[in-house]
Amino acid sequence: DFPRAPDRTRPEVVVVHRPGAVQAEIRVGHLLMGGDVEGWEDLVVANQILGGGPPGRLQQVLRGALGYTYDARSAVTRQRRLGGFRIATAARTEVVGATVQGIFEQVDRLRTRAIPGSELSDEVAFLVGSFPRSVETRQQVAGQLTEWRLIGAPADALESYRARIAAVD
C-alpha cells in the first residue's frame, strides 16, 4: 500500500530562472485514478482529443492558431493505483504566460464542454485503427501483456481494448 497523494487546492507553479534563455520548457501535470479501474478508456480518448498528436486541441491552438510553440502534447500514464497526466511543450520566453494560460483554457474546455460528435468519432477511429501498430512485434505484444497484467487487468483486456475504446461516447 502506498500513502495517499497530497491533495492540491490550487495549481503550483515552479519557475527555474535561466538568464538569457530564449525558450522555456513547460510541463503541466496532475495525478489520475489508477489504471485498474473502469473508465480508463474515457481518459485515453480525452487525452487523444486534447493532445495525443498533431490533430489535438493543444497543437491546433498553441501552434496553429497562436504560433506559440512548435509542438504541444499530452499523455496519460497508466499504473495500478495511481496514474498520471502531463502536458509538455516549449515556448519563446515572451509568450510563456500566454502559453500556460492557453493550456489551462484547453483543459478547462475539455472538462466543461461537450465534445463535438465528429471530433470524438475521428479520435476514437484513430485510436481503434492505430492500435494494431502497437502489437505488431513479439516484443510489443509482450510489453502490452506485461503492462496490462501489472495493473491487474482481466486476462482478456488486451483483446477487448479496441472494442472498449470504440464504445466511448
N, C-alpha and C. Protein backbone atom coordinates (compact mmCIF):
# COMPACT_ATOMS: atom_id res chain seq x y z
N ASP A 1 0.84 -1.19 0.00
CA ASP A 1 0.00 0.00 0.00
C ASP A 1 0.88 1.24 0.00
N PHE A 2 0.46 2.22 -0.78
CA PHE A 2 1.20 3.46 -0.88
C PHE A 2 0.44 4.56 -0.15
N PRO A 3 1.14 5.53 0.38
CA PRO A 3 0.43 6.65 1.03
C PRO A 3 -0.37 7.43 0.00
N ARG A 4 -1.42 8.05 0.47
CA ARG A 4 -2.27 8.87 -0.40
C ARG A 4 -1.47 10.06 -0.91
N ALA A 5 -1.68 10.37 -2.17
CA ALA A 5 -1.02 11.54 -2.77
C ALA A 5 -1.59 12.80 -2.13
N PRO A 6 -0.78 13.84 -2.01
CA PRO A 6 -1.27 15.08 -1.38
C PRO A 6 -2.37 15.72 -2.21
N ASP A 7 -3.38 16.24 -1.53
CA ASP A 7 -4.44 16.98 -2.20
C ASP A 7 -3.90 18.35 -2.58
N ARG A 8 -4.26 18.80 -3.74
CA ARG A 8 -3.88 20.13 -4.19
C ARG A 8 -5.13 20.99 -4.23
N THR A 9 -5.05 22.15 -3.59
CA THR A 9 -6.20 23.04 -3.58
C THR A 9 -6.07 24.13 -4.65
N ARG A 10 -4.86 24.27 -5.19
CA ARG A 10 -4.64 25.26 -6.24
C ARG A 10 -3.43 24.82 -7.06
N PRO A 11 -3.31 25.35 -8.25
CA PRO A 11 -2.15 24.99 -9.08
C PRO A 11 -0.85 25.43 -8.40
N GLU A 12 0.19 24.69 -8.63
CA GLU A 12 1.52 25.02 -8.13
C GLU A 12 2.39 25.32 -9.35
N VAL A 13 3.10 26.42 -9.31
CA VAL A 13 3.96 26.82 -10.41
C VAL A 13 5.40 26.84 -9.90
N VAL A 14 6.28 26.20 -10.63
CA VAL A 14 7.70 26.19 -10.30
C VAL A 14 8.43 26.82 -11.48
N VAL A 15 9.21 27.84 -11.22
CA VAL A 15 9.97 28.51 -12.27
C VAL A 15 11.45 28.33 -11.99
N VAL A 16 12.17 27.88 -12.99
CA VAL A 16 13.62 27.79 -12.91
C VAL A 16 14.16 28.88 -13.82
N HIS A 17 14.69 29.92 -13.23
CA HIS A 17 15.14 31.08 -14.00
C HIS A 17 16.50 30.80 -14.64
N ARG A 18 16.55 31.01 -15.94
CA ARG A 18 17.81 30.87 -16.69
C ARG A 18 18.02 32.16 -17.47
N PRO A 19 18.80 33.08 -16.94
CA PRO A 19 19.02 34.36 -17.61
C PRO A 19 19.51 34.15 -19.04
N GLY A 20 18.92 34.90 -19.94
CA GLY A 20 19.33 34.85 -21.34
C GLY A 20 18.66 33.76 -22.16
N ALA A 21 17.87 32.89 -21.53
CA ALA A 21 17.20 31.83 -22.28
C ALA A 21 16.19 32.44 -23.24
N VAL A 22 16.11 31.90 -24.43
CA VAL A 22 15.16 32.39 -25.42
C VAL A 22 13.92 31.52 -25.50
N GLN A 23 13.97 30.38 -24.83
CA GLN A 23 12.86 29.45 -24.86
C GLN A 23 12.70 28.82 -23.48
N ALA A 24 11.47 28.46 -23.15
CA ALA A 24 11.19 27.82 -21.87
C ALA A 24 10.51 26.48 -22.10
N GLU A 25 10.86 25.51 -21.29
CA GLU A 25 10.17 24.23 -21.27
C GLU A 25 9.01 24.35 -20.31
N ILE A 26 7.85 23.87 -20.71
CA ILE A 26 6.65 23.96 -19.89
C ILE A 26 6.11 22.56 -19.67
N ARG A 27 5.83 22.24 -18.41
CA ARG A 27 5.23 20.96 -18.07
C ARG A 27 4.05 21.22 -17.15
N VAL A 28 2.96 20.55 -17.42
CA VAL A 28 1.77 20.62 -16.60
C VAL A 28 1.41 19.19 -16.25
N GLY A 29 1.06 18.92 -15.01
CA GLY A 29 0.73 17.56 -14.63
C GLY A 29 -0.34 17.48 -13.57
N HIS A 30 -0.89 16.30 -13.45
CA HIS A 30 -1.92 16.06 -12.45
C HIS A 30 -1.97 14.56 -12.18
N LEU A 31 -2.31 14.20 -10.94
CA LEU A 31 -2.49 12.79 -10.63
C LEU A 31 -3.85 12.33 -11.14
N LEU A 32 -3.90 11.06 -11.54
CA LEU A 32 -5.14 10.47 -12.04
C LEU A 32 -5.48 9.23 -11.24
N MET A 33 -6.68 8.75 -11.47
CA MET A 33 -7.06 7.47 -10.88
C MET A 33 -6.14 6.39 -11.43
N GLY A 34 -6.09 5.29 -10.74
CA GLY A 34 -5.27 4.18 -11.20
C GLY A 34 -5.84 3.51 -12.44
N GLY A 35 -4.99 2.82 -13.15
CA GLY A 35 -5.41 2.15 -14.37
C GLY A 35 -6.17 0.87 -14.14
N ASP A 36 -6.33 0.49 -12.88
CA ASP A 36 -7.03 -0.75 -12.58
C ASP A 36 -8.52 -0.51 -12.33
N VAL A 37 -9.05 0.65 -12.74
CA VAL A 37 -10.46 0.95 -12.55
C VAL A 37 -11.15 1.07 -13.91
N GLU A 38 -12.45 0.88 -13.89
CA GLU A 38 -13.21 1.04 -15.13
C GLU A 38 -13.22 2.51 -15.54
N GLY A 39 -13.32 2.75 -16.81
CA GLY A 39 -13.41 4.11 -17.31
C GLY A 39 -12.09 4.67 -17.80
N TRP A 40 -11.02 3.89 -17.72
CA TRP A 40 -9.72 4.38 -18.18
C TRP A 40 -9.77 4.77 -19.66
N GLU A 41 -10.53 4.04 -20.44
CA GLU A 41 -10.61 4.31 -21.88
C GLU A 41 -11.15 5.72 -22.14
N ASP A 42 -12.02 6.22 -21.26
CA ASP A 42 -12.51 7.60 -21.41
C ASP A 42 -11.35 8.58 -21.34
N LEU A 43 -10.41 8.33 -20.41
CA LEU A 43 -9.24 9.20 -20.28
C LEU A 43 -8.33 9.09 -21.50
N VAL A 44 -8.21 7.90 -22.04
CA VAL A 44 -7.38 7.71 -23.24
C VAL A 44 -7.94 8.54 -24.40
N VAL A 45 -9.24 8.48 -24.58
CA VAL A 45 -9.87 9.24 -25.67
C VAL A 45 -9.78 10.74 -25.39
N ALA A 46 -10.05 11.15 -24.17
CA ALA A 46 -9.95 12.58 -23.83
C ALA A 46 -8.54 13.09 -24.06
N ASN A 47 -7.54 12.31 -23.67
CA ASN A 47 -6.16 12.70 -23.90
C ASN A 47 -5.86 12.83 -25.38
N GLN A 48 -6.36 11.91 -26.18
CA GLN A 48 -6.12 11.97 -27.63
C GLN A 48 -6.71 13.25 -28.21
N ILE A 49 -7.89 13.62 -27.74
CA ILE A 49 -8.53 14.85 -28.22
C ILE A 49 -7.73 16.08 -27.79
N LEU A 50 -7.26 16.08 -26.56
CA LEU A 50 -6.53 17.24 -26.05
C LEU A 50 -5.16 17.39 -26.68
N GLY A 51 -4.38 16.33 -26.67
CA GLY A 51 -3.01 16.49 -27.14
C GLY A 51 -2.29 15.21 -27.47
N GLY A 52 -3.01 14.20 -27.91
CA GLY A 52 -2.39 12.93 -28.23
C GLY A 52 -1.61 12.94 -29.53
N GLY A 53 -1.72 13.98 -30.30
CA GLY A 53 -1.00 14.05 -31.56
C GLY A 53 -1.28 15.35 -32.28
N PRO A 54 -0.82 15.47 -33.51
CA PRO A 54 -0.99 16.72 -34.26
C PRO A 54 -2.42 17.23 -34.40
N PRO A 55 -3.43 16.36 -34.51
CA PRO A 55 -4.76 16.96 -34.61
C PRO A 55 -5.32 17.42 -33.26
N GLY A 56 -4.59 17.20 -32.17
CA GLY A 56 -5.08 17.55 -30.84
C GLY A 56 -5.31 19.04 -30.67
N ARG A 57 -6.16 19.36 -29.74
CA ARG A 57 -6.51 20.76 -29.49
C ARG A 57 -5.32 21.61 -29.08
N LEU A 58 -4.43 21.06 -28.27
CA LEU A 58 -3.25 21.85 -27.88
C LEU A 58 -2.45 22.25 -29.11
N GLN A 59 -2.25 21.32 -30.00
CA GLN A 59 -1.48 21.59 -31.21
C GLN A 59 -2.21 22.59 -32.11
N GLN A 60 -3.51 22.40 -32.26
CA GLN A 60 -4.30 23.29 -33.11
C GLN A 60 -4.26 24.73 -32.62
N VAL A 61 -4.39 24.91 -31.30
CA VAL A 61 -4.47 26.26 -30.75
C VAL A 61 -3.08 26.86 -30.52
N LEU A 62 -2.24 26.16 -29.75
CA LEU A 62 -0.95 26.75 -29.37
C LEU A 62 0.02 26.88 -30.54
N ARG A 63 -0.03 25.95 -31.46
CA ARG A 63 0.85 26.05 -32.63
C ARG A 63 0.13 26.69 -33.81
N GLY A 64 -1.00 26.08 -34.18
CA GLY A 64 -1.69 26.51 -35.39
C GLY A 64 -2.26 27.92 -35.32
N ALA A 65 -3.09 28.17 -34.32
CA ALA A 65 -3.78 29.47 -34.24
C ALA A 65 -2.90 30.57 -33.66
N LEU A 66 -2.10 30.26 -32.63
CA LEU A 66 -1.34 31.30 -31.94
C LEU A 66 0.14 31.36 -32.30
N GLY A 67 0.69 30.28 -32.79
CA GLY A 67 2.10 30.25 -33.16
C GLY A 67 3.05 30.33 -31.97
N TYR A 68 2.60 29.87 -30.79
CA TYR A 68 3.42 29.96 -29.59
C TYR A 68 4.47 28.86 -29.47
N THR A 69 4.20 27.72 -30.07
CA THR A 69 5.04 26.56 -29.85
C THR A 69 5.12 25.73 -31.13
N TYR A 70 6.12 24.90 -31.19
CA TYR A 70 6.26 24.02 -32.34
C TYR A 70 5.47 22.73 -32.11
N ASP A 71 5.44 22.26 -30.89
CA ASP A 71 4.77 21.01 -30.58
C ASP A 71 4.23 21.07 -29.16
N ALA A 72 3.02 20.59 -28.97
CA ALA A 72 2.41 20.53 -27.64
C ALA A 72 1.64 19.23 -27.56
N ARG A 73 1.97 18.42 -26.57
CA ARG A 73 1.34 17.11 -26.44
C ARG A 73 0.95 16.83 -25.01
N SER A 74 0.00 15.93 -24.87
CA SER A 74 -0.38 15.45 -23.55
C SER A 74 -0.30 13.94 -23.54
N ALA A 75 -0.24 13.38 -22.35
CA ALA A 75 -0.15 11.93 -22.20
C ALA A 75 -0.76 11.52 -20.87
N VAL A 76 -1.30 10.32 -20.85
CA VAL A 76 -1.76 9.72 -19.60
C VAL A 76 -0.90 8.49 -19.34
N THR A 77 -0.54 8.30 -18.09
CA THR A 77 0.28 7.17 -17.67
C THR A 77 -0.58 6.25 -16.83
N ARG A 78 -0.63 5.02 -17.24
CA ARG A 78 -1.49 4.05 -16.56
C ARG A 78 -0.66 3.19 -15.62
N GLN A 79 -0.99 3.25 -14.36
CA GLN A 79 -0.37 2.39 -13.36
C GLN A 79 -1.49 1.82 -12.50
N ARG A 80 -1.15 0.85 -11.67
CA ARG A 80 -2.19 0.13 -10.94
C ARG A 80 -3.03 1.03 -10.03
N ARG A 81 -2.42 1.76 -9.15
CA ARG A 81 -3.20 2.50 -8.16
C ARG A 81 -3.19 4.01 -8.34
N LEU A 82 -2.32 4.51 -9.16
CA LEU A 82 -2.23 5.95 -9.33
C LEU A 82 -1.68 6.24 -10.72
N GLY A 83 -2.44 6.94 -11.49
CA GLY A 83 -2.00 7.30 -12.83
C GLY A 83 -1.51 8.73 -12.86
N GLY A 84 -1.07 9.14 -14.04
CA GLY A 84 -0.58 10.50 -14.19
C GLY A 84 -1.01 11.10 -15.51
N PHE A 85 -1.11 12.40 -15.53
CA PHE A 85 -1.46 13.16 -16.72
C PHE A 85 -0.41 14.25 -16.86
N ARG A 86 0.08 14.45 -18.08
CA ARG A 86 1.07 15.51 -18.27
C ARG A 86 0.92 16.15 -19.64
N ILE A 87 1.31 17.39 -19.68
CA ILE A 87 1.38 18.16 -20.93
C ILE A 87 2.81 18.66 -21.03
N ALA A 88 3.37 18.58 -22.23
CA ALA A 88 4.73 19.05 -22.44
C ALA A 88 4.77 19.91 -23.70
N THR A 89 5.44 21.04 -23.58
CA THR A 89 5.67 21.91 -24.72
C THR A 89 6.84 22.84 -24.39
N ALA A 90 7.23 23.61 -25.35
CA ALA A 90 8.25 24.65 -25.17
C ALA A 90 7.74 25.89 -25.90
N ALA A 91 8.11 27.05 -25.39
CA ALA A 91 7.65 28.29 -26.00
C ALA A 91 8.72 29.37 -25.83
N ARG A 92 8.66 30.35 -26.72
CA ARG A 92 9.53 31.51 -26.58
C ARG A 92 9.25 32.18 -25.24
N THR A 93 10.28 32.71 -24.62
CA THR A 93 10.11 33.26 -23.26
C THR A 93 9.05 34.36 -23.20
N GLU A 94 8.92 35.14 -24.25
CA GLU A 94 7.96 36.25 -24.19
C GLU A 94 6.50 35.80 -24.25
N VAL A 95 6.24 34.52 -24.59
CA VAL A 95 4.85 34.05 -24.64
C VAL A 95 4.59 32.89 -23.67
N VAL A 96 5.48 32.71 -22.69
CA VAL A 96 5.31 31.61 -21.74
C VAL A 96 3.99 31.75 -20.97
N GLY A 97 3.72 32.93 -20.43
CA GLY A 97 2.49 33.13 -19.67
C GLY A 97 1.25 32.85 -20.51
N ALA A 98 1.23 33.37 -21.72
CA ALA A 98 0.09 33.15 -22.61
C ALA A 98 -0.04 31.68 -23.00
N THR A 99 1.10 31.00 -23.13
CA THR A 99 1.07 29.58 -23.47
C THR A 99 0.47 28.77 -22.33
N VAL A 100 0.91 29.05 -21.11
CA VAL A 100 0.36 28.35 -19.95
C VAL A 100 -1.14 28.63 -19.83
N GLN A 101 -1.52 29.88 -20.03
CA GLN A 101 -2.95 30.22 -19.98
C GLN A 101 -3.71 29.44 -21.06
N GLY A 102 -3.15 29.35 -22.25
CA GLY A 102 -3.79 28.60 -23.33
C GLY A 102 -3.94 27.12 -22.99
N ILE A 103 -2.95 26.56 -22.34
CA ILE A 103 -3.03 25.16 -21.90
C ILE A 103 -4.20 24.98 -20.96
N PHE A 104 -4.29 25.83 -19.93
CA PHE A 104 -5.37 25.68 -18.95
C PHE A 104 -6.74 25.93 -19.58
N GLU A 105 -6.81 26.83 -20.56
CA GLU A 105 -8.09 27.05 -21.25
C GLU A 105 -8.53 25.80 -22.00
N GLN A 106 -7.59 25.11 -22.64
CA GLN A 106 -7.95 23.90 -23.39
C GLN A 106 -8.32 22.75 -22.45
N VAL A 107 -7.64 22.64 -21.32
CA VAL A 107 -8.01 21.61 -20.34
C VAL A 107 -9.41 21.90 -19.80
N ASP A 108 -9.67 23.15 -19.47
CA ASP A 108 -10.99 23.53 -18.97
C ASP A 108 -12.07 23.29 -20.01
N ARG A 109 -11.78 23.61 -21.25
CA ARG A 109 -12.73 23.38 -22.35
C ARG A 109 -13.08 21.90 -22.46
N LEU A 110 -12.07 21.05 -22.35
CA LEU A 110 -12.31 19.61 -22.43
C LEU A 110 -13.15 19.12 -21.25
N ARG A 111 -12.91 19.70 -20.09
CA ARG A 111 -13.63 19.27 -18.88
C ARG A 111 -15.06 19.76 -18.83
N THR A 112 -15.36 20.92 -19.42
CA THR A 112 -16.65 21.56 -19.19
C THR A 112 -17.58 21.61 -20.39
N ARG A 113 -17.09 21.32 -21.56
CA ARG A 113 -17.94 21.40 -22.76
C ARG A 113 -18.05 20.05 -23.45
N ALA A 114 -19.19 19.84 -24.05
CA ALA A 114 -19.39 18.60 -24.80
C ALA A 114 -18.41 18.56 -25.98
N ILE A 115 -17.94 17.37 -26.28
CA ILE A 115 -17.04 17.18 -27.42
C ILE A 115 -17.90 16.99 -28.66
N PRO A 116 -17.67 17.78 -29.70
CA PRO A 116 -18.46 17.59 -30.92
C PRO A 116 -18.35 16.15 -31.44
N GLY A 117 -19.47 15.63 -31.93
CA GLY A 117 -19.53 14.24 -32.38
C GLY A 117 -18.48 13.86 -33.39
N SER A 118 -18.21 14.74 -34.36
CA SER A 118 -17.22 14.41 -35.39
C SER A 118 -15.81 14.34 -34.81
N GLU A 119 -15.49 15.23 -33.89
CA GLU A 119 -14.18 15.21 -33.26
C GLU A 119 -14.00 13.92 -32.45
N LEU A 120 -15.03 13.56 -31.69
CA LEU A 120 -14.98 12.34 -30.90
C LEU A 120 -14.85 11.12 -31.80
N SER A 121 -15.67 11.03 -32.82
CA SER A 121 -15.63 9.84 -33.68
C SER A 121 -14.31 9.74 -34.44
N ASP A 122 -13.76 10.86 -34.86
CA ASP A 122 -12.46 10.84 -35.55
C ASP A 122 -11.36 10.31 -34.65
N GLU A 123 -11.31 10.77 -33.41
CA GLU A 123 -10.24 10.36 -32.50
C GLU A 123 -10.43 8.92 -32.03
N VAL A 124 -11.67 8.51 -31.80
CA VAL A 124 -11.92 7.11 -31.45
C VAL A 124 -11.50 6.21 -32.61
N ALA A 125 -11.86 6.59 -33.84
CA ALA A 125 -11.48 5.79 -35.01
C ALA A 125 -9.96 5.71 -35.14
N PHE A 126 -9.27 6.82 -34.86
CA PHE A 126 -7.80 6.80 -34.92
C PHE A 126 -7.23 5.83 -33.90
N LEU A 127 -7.71 5.90 -32.67
CA LEU A 127 -7.19 5.02 -31.62
C LEU A 127 -7.47 3.54 -31.93
N VAL A 128 -8.67 3.26 -32.40
CA VAL A 128 -9.02 1.88 -32.74
C VAL A 128 -8.18 1.40 -33.92
N GLY A 129 -8.06 2.24 -34.93
CA GLY A 129 -7.33 1.86 -36.14
C GLY A 129 -5.83 1.77 -35.96
N SER A 130 -5.26 2.57 -35.06
CA SER A 130 -3.80 2.57 -34.90
C SER A 130 -3.32 1.56 -33.86
N PHE A 131 -4.23 1.01 -33.07
CA PHE A 131 -3.81 0.08 -32.03
C PHE A 131 -3.03 -1.12 -32.57
N PRO A 132 -3.41 -1.72 -33.69
CA PRO A 132 -2.64 -2.86 -34.18
C PRO A 132 -1.15 -2.56 -34.38
N ARG A 133 -0.81 -1.32 -34.65
CA ARG A 133 0.61 -0.97 -34.80
C ARG A 133 1.37 -1.12 -33.49
N SER A 134 0.66 -1.12 -32.37
CA SER A 134 1.34 -1.26 -31.07
C SER A 134 1.51 -2.71 -30.66
N VAL A 135 1.02 -3.64 -31.47
CA VAL A 135 1.17 -5.07 -31.17
C VAL A 135 1.64 -5.83 -32.41
N GLU A 136 2.50 -5.21 -33.20
CA GLU A 136 2.99 -5.84 -34.43
C GLU A 136 4.10 -6.85 -34.18
N THR A 137 4.95 -6.60 -33.19
CA THR A 137 6.09 -7.48 -32.97
C THR A 137 5.90 -8.30 -31.69
N ARG A 138 6.69 -9.33 -31.54
CA ARG A 138 6.64 -10.14 -30.31
C ARG A 138 6.95 -9.27 -29.10
N GLN A 139 7.92 -8.37 -29.24
CA GLN A 139 8.29 -7.51 -28.14
C GLN A 139 7.14 -6.58 -27.74
N GLN A 140 6.44 -6.06 -28.73
CA GLN A 140 5.31 -5.18 -28.42
C GLN A 140 4.19 -5.94 -27.73
N VAL A 141 3.90 -7.13 -28.20
CA VAL A 141 2.86 -7.95 -27.57
C VAL A 141 3.25 -8.25 -26.12
N ALA A 142 4.50 -8.68 -25.92
CA ALA A 142 4.97 -8.98 -24.56
C ALA A 142 4.87 -7.74 -23.68
N GLY A 143 5.26 -6.58 -24.20
CA GLY A 143 5.18 -5.34 -23.43
C GLY A 143 3.75 -4.98 -23.06
N GLN A 144 2.85 -5.09 -24.02
CA GLN A 144 1.44 -4.79 -23.75
C GLN A 144 0.87 -5.74 -22.71
N LEU A 145 1.14 -7.03 -22.87
CA LEU A 145 0.64 -8.01 -21.90
C LEU A 145 1.19 -7.75 -20.51
N THR A 146 2.47 -7.41 -20.45
CA THR A 146 3.09 -7.11 -19.16
C THR A 146 2.41 -5.91 -18.50
N GLU A 147 2.21 -4.84 -19.27
CA GLU A 147 1.57 -3.64 -18.72
C GLU A 147 0.18 -3.96 -18.21
N TRP A 148 -0.60 -4.66 -19.00
CA TRP A 148 -1.98 -4.98 -18.61
C TRP A 148 -2.01 -5.86 -17.37
N ARG A 149 -1.13 -6.84 -17.30
CA ARG A 149 -1.12 -7.75 -16.15
C ARG A 149 -0.64 -7.02 -14.90
N LEU A 150 0.35 -6.13 -15.04
CA LEU A 150 0.86 -5.41 -13.88
C LEU A 150 -0.19 -4.51 -13.25
N ILE A 151 -1.11 -3.99 -14.03
CA ILE A 151 -2.14 -3.13 -13.46
C ILE A 151 -3.33 -3.95 -12.95
N GLY A 152 -3.28 -5.27 -13.14
CA GLY A 152 -4.34 -6.11 -12.63
C GLY A 152 -5.54 -6.23 -13.54
N ALA A 153 -5.36 -5.96 -14.82
CA ALA A 153 -6.46 -6.05 -15.78
C ALA A 153 -6.85 -7.50 -16.01
N PRO A 154 -8.09 -7.74 -16.39
CA PRO A 154 -8.51 -9.10 -16.70
C PRO A 154 -7.69 -9.69 -17.85
N ALA A 155 -7.67 -11.00 -17.92
CA ALA A 155 -6.86 -11.69 -18.93
C ALA A 155 -7.23 -11.30 -20.35
N ASP A 156 -8.49 -10.95 -20.60
CA ASP A 156 -8.90 -10.61 -21.97
C ASP A 156 -8.85 -9.11 -22.26
N ALA A 157 -8.25 -8.33 -21.38
CA ALA A 157 -8.25 -6.87 -21.53
C ALA A 157 -7.60 -6.41 -22.83
N LEU A 158 -6.52 -7.03 -23.21
CA LEU A 158 -5.84 -6.62 -24.44
C LEU A 158 -6.71 -6.91 -25.66
N GLU A 159 -7.33 -8.09 -25.67
CA GLU A 159 -8.16 -8.47 -26.81
C GLU A 159 -9.40 -7.59 -26.95
N SER A 160 -9.91 -7.09 -25.82
CA SER A 160 -11.13 -6.29 -25.88
C SER A 160 -10.87 -4.78 -25.87
N TYR A 161 -9.60 -4.38 -25.89
CA TYR A 161 -9.26 -2.96 -25.78
C TYR A 161 -9.92 -2.13 -26.88
N ARG A 162 -9.79 -2.54 -28.13
CA ARG A 162 -10.34 -1.73 -29.22
C ARG A 162 -11.85 -1.59 -29.10
N ALA A 163 -12.54 -2.64 -28.68
CA ALA A 163 -14.00 -2.56 -28.51
C ALA A 163 -14.35 -1.58 -27.41
N ARG A 164 -13.56 -1.57 -26.33
CA ARG A 164 -13.83 -0.63 -25.23
C ARG A 164 -13.58 0.82 -25.68
N ILE A 165 -12.53 1.03 -26.44
CA ILE A 165 -12.28 2.38 -26.98
C ILE A 165 -13.41 2.79 -27.91
N ALA A 166 -13.84 1.88 -28.77
CA ALA A 166 -14.92 2.19 -29.73
C ALA A 166 -16.23 2.52 -29.03
N ALA A 167 -16.41 2.03 -27.80
CA ALA A 167 -17.64 2.27 -27.07
C ALA A 167 -17.67 3.60 -26.33
N VAL A 168 -16.53 4.31 -26.31
CA VAL A 168 -16.50 5.60 -25.59
C VAL A 168 -17.40 6.60 -26.31
N ASP A 169 -18.30 7.20 -25.54
CA ASP A 169 -19.21 8.19 -26.12
C ASP A 169 -19.23 9.47 -25.32
